[in-house]
Amino acid sequence: MDIVCCVMLAPQHRAVSADHLGNVRATVSDMLIPRGSGVFDADLRTLTDYYPFGMTMPGRTLSSADYRYGYNTQERVDEIAGEGNHYTAEYWEYDPRAARRWNLDPRPVVGLTPSGTFQSNPIVAADIFGDSIRVEQTSGFLFWHTTDTYTYRNGGWFDGSGVKANPSEIGGLLSQVDAALNAEGQTPFGSLVLNSLQSSPYDFIFKRGSMSQFLITNPAAAYFLEYINKKENKDDYLREPYLFDHIPNGSGGLITIPVTTEALPEQGGRSVRRPGVAIFHELLHAWLASKGLSRQDVELVNGRNIQVEEFIVSRMENIIRIQMGLPLRTHYPVDSQGRGVGPSVIPDNIEAYR
């Protein structure tokens, strides 16, 4: 007679099954449960079905104290309101039964209540991380295609289920944006901008478009400082900040990037395409918007109307070029031949930025 000793080891790893919004529906450990004759069952640790907005369905939930993540991939805090009745994230404390957050949304959307969630549409909307930089990329063939969303977080990209993505394997716009953030983000000034945007409460979304541009989500908030400076009683506003508390100070936006970026005028009389620099140029616009420092005024310089913000951002772009050792951009506007026109955007004291 053989004596067989079976030892049940504690599970070391857990596989997570999530739906299209990242809601954790089931988790399975790395253990196998023998049924005999070489047949094994998976070790199911949690199983959850949700009502819209995340309330768990009675009788259709198997929970485990050692795994605390669930709806919207966020962490449950069962100590506050009972099992599965409260979630926490960077920008909210959330009650799925009431479908309401405890705090007001730091990124309000006109027409929606600031205490609401998922834009009142939990079937298609998710707010997994609350991070600020995302890439939306279309994939597929002919008429059958999907839009994949990747969020930039702590130097890496994550898909809609929270799984880390490899931009070089995925390619397309995601790979292009990742290369720009890795290169320009290594400079002192680029790193400052990138870290500021990541910690911002606003969303900045990259998409393919016909031209490089930054489209502001909330203009009143992006042009905050300009709005205050135009007020006749601006000194009163600055002394009494509550007078403009209803205006959020800062905004997110949409960045569109074409497949082929525009050639930019550089020192030496050349016009050169630098996709990474073009992408970061639009991120500099986004940075100003996140601080409420966007500008829409135009000034007449050397007989040409120049957008003041474009002049400012082009000079900031040159700071990054200096720190990367690239030739400097000479102008913002270009003519039909790609030659720079208008005032120079080269900083006065180049050595100060190295």
Protein backbone atom coordinates (compact mmCIF):
# COMPACT_ATOMS: atom_id res chain seq x y z
CA MET A 1 0.00 0.00 0.00
CA ASP A 2 1.35 3.39 -0.96
CA ILE A 3 1.13 6.23 1.49
CA VAL A 4 0.57 9.59 -0.20
CA CYS A 5 0.93 12.79 1.75
CA CYS A 6 -1.04 15.71 0.33
CA VAL A 7 -0.15 19.17 1.59
CA MET A 8 -2.46 22.09 0.71
CA LEU A 9 -0.24 25.15 0.34
CA ALA A 10 -1.49 28.70 0.75
CA PRO A 11 -2.13 30.41 -2.60
CA GLN A 12 0.70 32.69 -3.68
CA HIS A 13 -0.84 34.47 -6.65
CA ARG A 14 -4.27 35.51 -7.82
CA ALA A 15 -5.69 35.93 -11.29
CA VAL A 16 -8.29 38.64 -11.74
CA SER A 17 -11.18 38.54 -14.22
CA ALA A 18 -12.63 41.97 -14.99
CA ASP A 19 -15.29 43.21 -17.38
CA HIS A 20 -14.93 45.87 -20.09
CA LEU A 21 -14.91 48.69 -17.49
CA GLY A 22 -12.34 47.11 -15.21
CA ASN A 23 -14.86 45.99 -12.58
CA VAL A 24 -13.45 42.92 -10.81
CA ARG A 25 -15.94 40.09 -11.39
CA ALA A 26 -13.95 37.10 -10.14
CA THR A 27 -10.56 36.13 -8.74
CA VAL A 28 -8.90 32.72 -8.92
CA SER A 29 -5.86 31.61 -6.92
CA ASP A 30 -2.92 29.63 -8.31
CA MET A 31 -4.08 26.52 -6.43
CA LEU A 32 -5.79 23.56 -8.11
CA ILE A 33 -8.52 21.56 -6.36
CA PRO A 34 -8.31 17.84 -7.29
CA ARG A 35 -11.52 16.09 -8.30
CA GLY A 36 -9.87 12.75 -9.02
CA SER A 37 -8.79 10.95 -12.21
CA GLY A 38 -6.43 13.82 -13.04
CA VAL A 39 -9.22 16.40 -13.13
CA PHE A 40 -8.85 19.65 -11.23
CA ASP A 41 -11.11 22.59 -10.45
CA ALA A 42 -10.00 26.20 -10.20
CA ASP A 43 -9.81 27.68 -6.71
CA LEU A 44 -12.42 30.43 -7.00
CA ARG A 45 -11.75 33.02 -4.27
CA THR A 46 -14.22 35.82 -5.07
CA LEU A 47 -17.20 36.22 -7.38
CA THR A 48 -19.27 39.38 -7.69
CA ASP A 49 -22.20 40.62 -9.76
CA TYR A 50 -23.03 44.32 -9.57
CA TYR A 51 -26.02 46.55 -10.01
CA PRO A 52 -25.33 49.72 -12.05
CA PHE A 53 -23.05 52.07 -10.07
CA GLY A 54 -21.50 49.18 -8.12
CA MET A 55 -23.88 47.91 -5.45
CA THR A 56 -23.36 44.14 -5.09
CA MET A 57 -26.23 41.77 -5.88
CA PRO A 58 -27.40 39.78 -2.84
CA GLY A 59 -26.93 36.03 -3.24
CA ARG A 60 -24.60 36.48 -6.21
CA THR A 61 -21.43 37.37 -4.32
CA LEU A 62 -18.59 35.30 -2.95
CA SER A 63 -16.19 37.49 -0.99
CA SER A 64 -12.82 37.04 0.65
CA ALA A 65 -11.24 39.17 3.35
CA ASP A 66 -7.80 38.93 1.72
CA TYR A 67 -8.88 40.63 -1.52
CA ARG A 68 -10.38 44.08 -1.21
CA TYR A 69 -10.75 45.30 -4.80
CA GLY A 70 -13.98 45.33 -6.75
CA TYR A 71 -16.09 47.82 -8.66
CA ASN A 72 -14.15 50.23 -10.87
CA THR A 73 -11.04 48.25 -9.76
CA GLN A 74 -11.00 50.37 -6.62
CA GLU A 75 -10.47 49.30 -3.04
CA ARG A 76 -13.42 48.44 -0.82
CA VAL A 77 -13.44 49.90 2.67
CA ASP A 78 -15.84 47.52 4.39
CA GLU A 79 -15.20 49.04 7.82
CA ILE A 80 -17.18 52.18 6.92
CA ALA A 81 -20.55 50.91 5.65
CA GLY A 82 -20.39 47.14 5.51
CA GLU A 83 -19.17 44.70 2.90
CA GLY A 84 -19.01 46.17 -0.61
CA ASN A 85 -20.82 49.38 0.36
CA HIS A 86 -17.93 51.83 0.20
CA TYR A 87 -14.99 52.45 -2.13
CA THR A 88 -12.00 54.74 -1.88
CA ALA A 89 -9.82 56.32 -4.58
CA GLU A 90 -7.45 59.25 -4.95
CA TYR A 91 -10.19 61.80 -5.64
CA TRP A 92 -13.24 60.39 -3.88
CA GLU A 93 -14.90 58.32 -1.21
CA TYR A 94 -17.80 56.58 -2.94
CA ASP A 95 -21.08 54.91 -1.87
CA PRO A 96 -22.26 52.52 -4.64
CA ARG A 97 -25.73 52.22 -3.11
CA ALA A 98 -26.43 55.93 -3.48
CA ALA A 99 -24.25 56.31 -6.60
CA ARG A 100 -22.79 59.44 -5.03
CA ARG A 101 -19.35 60.56 -3.98
CA TRP A 102 -18.74 62.18 -0.59
CA ASN A 103 -16.86 65.14 -2.06
CA LEU A 104 -17.58 67.34 -5.05
CA ASP A 105 -15.98 66.28 -8.34
CA PRO A 106 -12.67 68.19 -8.77
CA ARG A 107 -13.21 67.89 -12.55
CA PRO A 108 -16.80 69.12 -12.91
CA VAL A 109 -18.65 68.68 -16.20
CA VAL A 110 -21.16 71.32 -17.18
CA GLY A 111 -24.69 69.88 -17.00
CA LEU A 112 -23.83 67.08 -14.56
CA THR A 113 -24.06 67.16 -10.78
CA PRO A 114 -20.63 67.50 -9.11
CA SER A 115 -21.59 64.81 -6.60
CA GLY A 116 -22.39 62.30 -9.33
CA THR A 117 -20.19 59.59 -10.82
CA PHE A 118 -19.38 57.98 -14.18
CA GLN A 119 -21.17 60.84 -15.99
CA SER A 120 -24.42 59.15 -14.88
CA ASN A 121 -23.70 56.32 -17.34
CA PRO A 122 -21.99 53.41 -15.52
CA ILE A 123 -22.57 51.02 -18.44
CA VAL A 124 -19.97 52.73 -20.64
CA ALA A 125 -18.00 55.05 -18.31
CA ALA A 126 -15.27 54.25 -15.81
CA ASP A 127 -12.96 56.29 -13.57
CA ILE A 128 -10.35 53.77 -12.50
CA PHE A 129 -7.33 55.80 -11.46
CA GLY A 130 -8.35 59.45 -11.64
CA ASP A 131 -5.02 60.05 -13.37
CA SER A 132 -4.45 62.88 -15.78
CA ILE A 133 -2.85 61.62 -19.02
CA ARG A 134 -4.58 59.10 -21.29
CA VAL A 135 -4.21 57.85 -24.85
CA GLU A 136 -7.27 56.68 -26.80
CA GLN A 137 -6.27 54.54 -29.76
CA THR A 138 -8.48 52.92 -32.38
CA SER A 139 -7.62 49.39 -33.45
CA GLY A 140 -9.26 46.86 -35.75
CA PHE A 141 -9.85 46.20 -39.44
CA LEU A 142 -12.04 48.01 -41.95
CA PHE A 143 -15.50 48.61 -40.41
CA TRP A 144 -14.83 46.55 -37.29
CA HIS A 145 -12.79 48.54 -34.79
CA THR A 146 -12.58 49.42 -31.12
CA THR A 147 -11.13 52.30 -29.14
CA ASP A 148 -8.56 51.25 -26.53
CA THR A 149 -7.74 53.60 -23.66
CA TYR A 150 -4.36 53.66 -21.88
CA THR A 151 -3.65 55.70 -18.77
CA TYR A 152 -0.21 57.07 -17.88
CA ARG A 153 0.61 56.41 -14.24
CA ASN A 154 3.95 56.62 -12.42
CA GLY A 155 5.94 56.32 -15.62
CA GLY A 156 3.95 53.40 -17.11
CA TRP A 157 0.84 52.78 -19.21
CA PHE A 158 -2.18 50.77 -18.07
CA ASP A 159 -5.15 49.54 -20.09
CA GLY A 160 -8.80 49.84 -19.10
CA SER A 161 -8.54 46.78 -16.83
CA GLY A 162 -5.54 48.15 -14.95
CA VAL A 163 -3.08 45.80 -16.68
CA LYS A 164 0.29 47.32 -17.56
CA ALA A 165 0.70 47.80 -21.30
CA ASN A 166 3.80 47.61 -23.49
CA PRO A 167 3.66 50.60 -25.89
CA SER A 168 6.33 49.17 -28.22
CA GLU A 169 4.19 46.06 -28.79
CA ILE A 170 0.93 47.99 -29.20
CA GLY A 171 2.47 50.62 -31.48
CA GLY A 172 0.51 53.45 -33.06
CA LEU A 173 -0.25 56.63 -31.16
CA LEU A 174 0.49 55.03 -27.78
CA SER A 175 4.06 54.19 -28.83
CA GLN A 176 4.52 57.68 -30.26
CA VAL A 177 3.32 59.44 -27.10
CA ASP A 178 5.30 57.09 -24.84
CA ALA A 179 8.53 57.82 -26.74
CA ALA A 180 7.92 61.56 -26.36
CA LEU A 181 7.21 61.35 -22.64
CA ASN A 182 10.27 59.17 -22.07
CA ALA A 183 12.60 61.48 -24.02
CA GLU A 184 11.37 64.95 -23.15
CA GLY A 185 10.41 63.80 -19.66
CA GLN A 186 14.08 63.08 -18.91
CA THR A 187 14.94 66.79 -19.06
CA PRO A 188 14.63 68.88 -15.87
CA PHE A 189 11.93 71.13 -17.31
CA GLY A 190 10.10 68.30 -19.09
CA SER A 191 10.08 66.24 -15.89
CA LEU A 192 8.61 69.18 -13.96
CA VAL A 193 5.80 69.56 -16.51
CA LEU A 194 5.06 65.83 -16.68
CA ASN A 195 4.97 65.38 -12.89
CA SER A 196 2.69 68.39 -12.57
CA LEU A 197 0.23 67.00 -15.12
CA GLN A 198 0.23 63.56 -13.48
CA SER A 199 -0.67 65.09 -10.11
CA SER A 200 -3.32 67.34 -11.65
CA PRO A 201 -6.98 66.45 -10.98
CA TYR A 202 -7.78 67.03 -14.67
CA ASP A 203 -7.79 64.65 -17.65
CA PHE A 204 -5.53 65.10 -20.69
CA ILE A 205 -6.44 62.73 -23.51
CA PHE A 206 -4.40 62.03 -26.65
CA LYS A 207 -6.18 61.08 -29.88
CA ARG A 208 -5.33 60.90 -33.55
CA GLY A 209 -6.33 64.02 -35.45
CA SER A 210 -5.66 65.95 -38.63
CA MET A 211 -3.39 68.45 -36.86
CA SER A 212 -1.45 68.96 -33.64
CA GLN A 213 -3.59 70.95 -31.24
CA PHE A 214 -4.81 71.18 -27.66
CA LEU A 215 -8.56 71.61 -27.12
CA ILE A 216 -9.55 72.88 -23.68
CA THR A 217 -12.35 71.12 -21.78
CA ASN A 218 -13.35 74.05 -19.56
CA PRO A 219 -12.35 77.41 -21.10
CA ALA A 220 -13.57 79.51 -18.17
CA ALA A 221 -11.26 77.59 -15.85
CA ALA A 222 -8.31 77.43 -18.26
CA TYR A 223 -8.39 81.21 -18.87
CA PHE A 224 -8.85 81.86 -15.16
CA LEU A 225 -6.03 84.39 -14.72
CA GLU A 226 -6.90 86.18 -17.94
CA TYR A 227 -10.53 86.37 -16.77
CA ILE A 228 -9.52 87.94 -13.46
CA ASN A 229 -7.12 90.42 -15.10
CA LYS A 230 -9.91 91.68 -17.35
CA LYS A 231 -12.24 92.44 -14.44
CA GLU A 232 -12.49 96.14 -13.65
CA ASN A 233 -12.53 95.31 -9.97
CA LYS A 234 -9.83 92.63 -10.19
CA ASP A 235 -8.13 93.90 -7.01
CA ASP A 236 -11.33 93.19 -5.10
CA TYR A 237 -11.40 89.68 -6.58
CA LEU A 238 -7.84 89.03 -5.50
CA ARG A 239 -8.54 90.31 -1.97
CA GLU A 240 -11.75 88.30 -1.71
CA PRO A 241 -11.09 84.93 -3.35
CA TYR A 242 -14.56 83.61 -2.51
CA LEU A 243 -15.95 85.94 -5.20
CA PHE A 244 -14.65 83.56 -7.88
CA ASP A 245 -14.86 80.25 -6.01
CA HIS A 246 -17.41 79.09 -8.60
CA ILE A 247 -14.71 79.14 -11.29
CA PRO A 248 -12.41 76.08 -11.12
CA ASN A 249 -8.78 77.18 -11.39
CA GLY A 250 -7.56 74.95 -14.21
CA SER A 251 -8.82 72.60 -16.91
CA GLY A 252 -8.01 69.42 -18.76
CA GLY A 253 -8.38 68.87 -22.47
CA LEU A 254 -7.94 66.84 -25.64
CA ILE A 255 -4.63 66.65 -27.52
CA THR A 256 -4.84 65.58 -31.15
CA ILE A 257 -1.72 64.35 -32.97
CA PRO A 258 -1.55 63.61 -36.71
CA VAL A 259 0.26 60.60 -38.16
CA THR A 260 2.86 62.97 -39.63
CA THR A 261 3.68 66.05 -37.59
CA GLU A 262 4.48 69.45 -39.06
CA ALA A 263 8.05 70.39 -39.96
CA LEU A 264 9.22 73.20 -37.66
CA PRO A 265 11.73 75.96 -38.47
CA GLU A 266 15.06 75.47 -36.70
CA GLN A 267 18.41 77.19 -36.48
CA GLY A 268 20.39 76.86 -39.68
CA GLY A 269 17.40 77.62 -41.88
CA ARG A 270 16.10 74.05 -41.85
CA SER A 271 12.56 72.80 -41.22
CA VAL A 272 12.59 69.47 -39.38
CA ARG A 273 9.85 67.08 -38.20
CA ARG A 274 10.34 66.09 -34.58
CA PRO A 275 7.20 64.16 -33.48
CA GLY A 276 8.26 63.96 -29.83
CA VAL A 277 8.84 67.70 -29.56
CA ALA A 278 5.50 68.38 -31.30
CA ILE A 279 3.70 66.16 -28.78
CA PHE A 280 5.37 67.84 -25.84
CA HIS A 281 4.57 71.27 -27.31
CA GLU A 282 0.87 70.42 -26.92
CA LEU A 283 1.52 69.12 -23.40
CA LEU A 284 2.95 72.54 -22.55
CA HIS A 285 -0.38 74.07 -23.61
CA ALA A 286 -2.07 71.50 -21.37
CA TRP A 287 0.22 72.46 -18.48
CA LEU A 288 -0.80 76.13 -18.74
CA ALA A 289 -4.48 75.12 -18.86
CA SER A 290 -4.09 72.94 -15.76
CA LYS A 291 -2.88 76.02 -13.86
CA GLY A 292 -5.57 78.35 -15.21
CA LEU A 293 -2.88 80.25 -17.15
CA SER A 294 -4.09 79.75 -20.73
CA ARG A 295 -4.29 82.87 -22.87
CA GLN A 296 -6.35 83.73 -25.93
CA ASP A 297 -5.08 87.26 -26.53
CA VAL A 298 -3.30 88.33 -29.71
CA GLU A 299 -0.57 90.96 -30.04
CA LEU A 300 0.68 92.81 -33.12
CA VAL A 301 4.43 92.13 -33.45
CA ASN A 302 6.45 93.27 -36.47
CA GLY A 303 3.27 93.75 -38.43
CA ARG A 304 1.86 90.26 -37.66
CA ASN A 305 -0.84 89.14 -35.24
CA ILE A 306 0.79 86.64 -32.88
CA GLN A 307 -1.07 84.40 -30.43
CA VAL A 308 0.61 85.22 -27.14
CA GLU A 309 0.25 81.71 -25.72
CA GLU A 310 1.83 80.11 -28.80
CA PHE A 311 4.79 82.47 -28.46
CA ILE A 312 5.15 81.57 -24.76
CA VAL A 313 4.82 77.81 -25.35
CA SER A 314 7.31 77.89 -28.25
CA ARG A 315 9.86 79.53 -25.96
CA MET A 316 9.17 76.86 -23.32
CA GLU A 317 9.59 74.22 -26.04
CA ASN A 318 13.05 75.67 -26.66
CA ILE A 319 13.96 75.16 -23.01
CA ILE A 320 13.37 71.44 -23.54
CA ARG A 321 15.31 71.55 -26.80
CA ILE A 322 18.24 73.21 -24.98
CA GLN A 323 18.23 70.52 -22.30
CA MET A 324 18.05 67.77 -24.95
CA GLY A 325 20.84 69.28 -27.03
CA LEU A 326 18.58 69.82 -30.06
CA PRO A 327 18.69 72.76 -32.49
CA LEU A 328 16.39 75.54 -31.31
CA ARG A 329 13.11 76.44 -32.91
CA THR A 330 13.31 79.90 -34.45
CA HIS A 331 9.66 80.91 -34.90
CA TYR A 332 6.13 79.83 -34.12
CA PRO A 333 4.21 80.83 -37.27
CA VAL A 334 5.38 79.36 -40.57
CA ASP A 335 4.54 80.32 -44.13
CA SER A 336 3.32 78.02 -46.92
CA GLN A 337 6.91 76.91 -47.51
CA GLY A 338 7.45 75.94 -43.86
CA ARG A 339 9.71 78.94 -43.21
CA GLY A 340 9.49 80.77 -39.91
CA VAL A 341 7.92 84.20 -39.84
CA GLY A 342 7.29 86.74 -37.10
CA PRO A 343 9.36 87.31 -33.94
CA SER A 344 12.06 84.90 -32.80
CA VAL A 345 11.12 82.45 -30.01
CA ILE A 346 14.73 81.72 -29.02
CA PRO A 347 15.25 82.53 -25.30
CA ASP A 348 17.55 85.44 -24.48
CA ASN A 349 19.78 83.56 -22.02
CA ILE A 350 20.29 80.07 -23.37
CA GLU A 351 22.97 79.04 -20.85
CA ALA A 352 20.59 79.64 -17.97
CA TYR A 353 18.45 76.67 -19.07
CA ARG A 354 21.12 74.05 -19.64
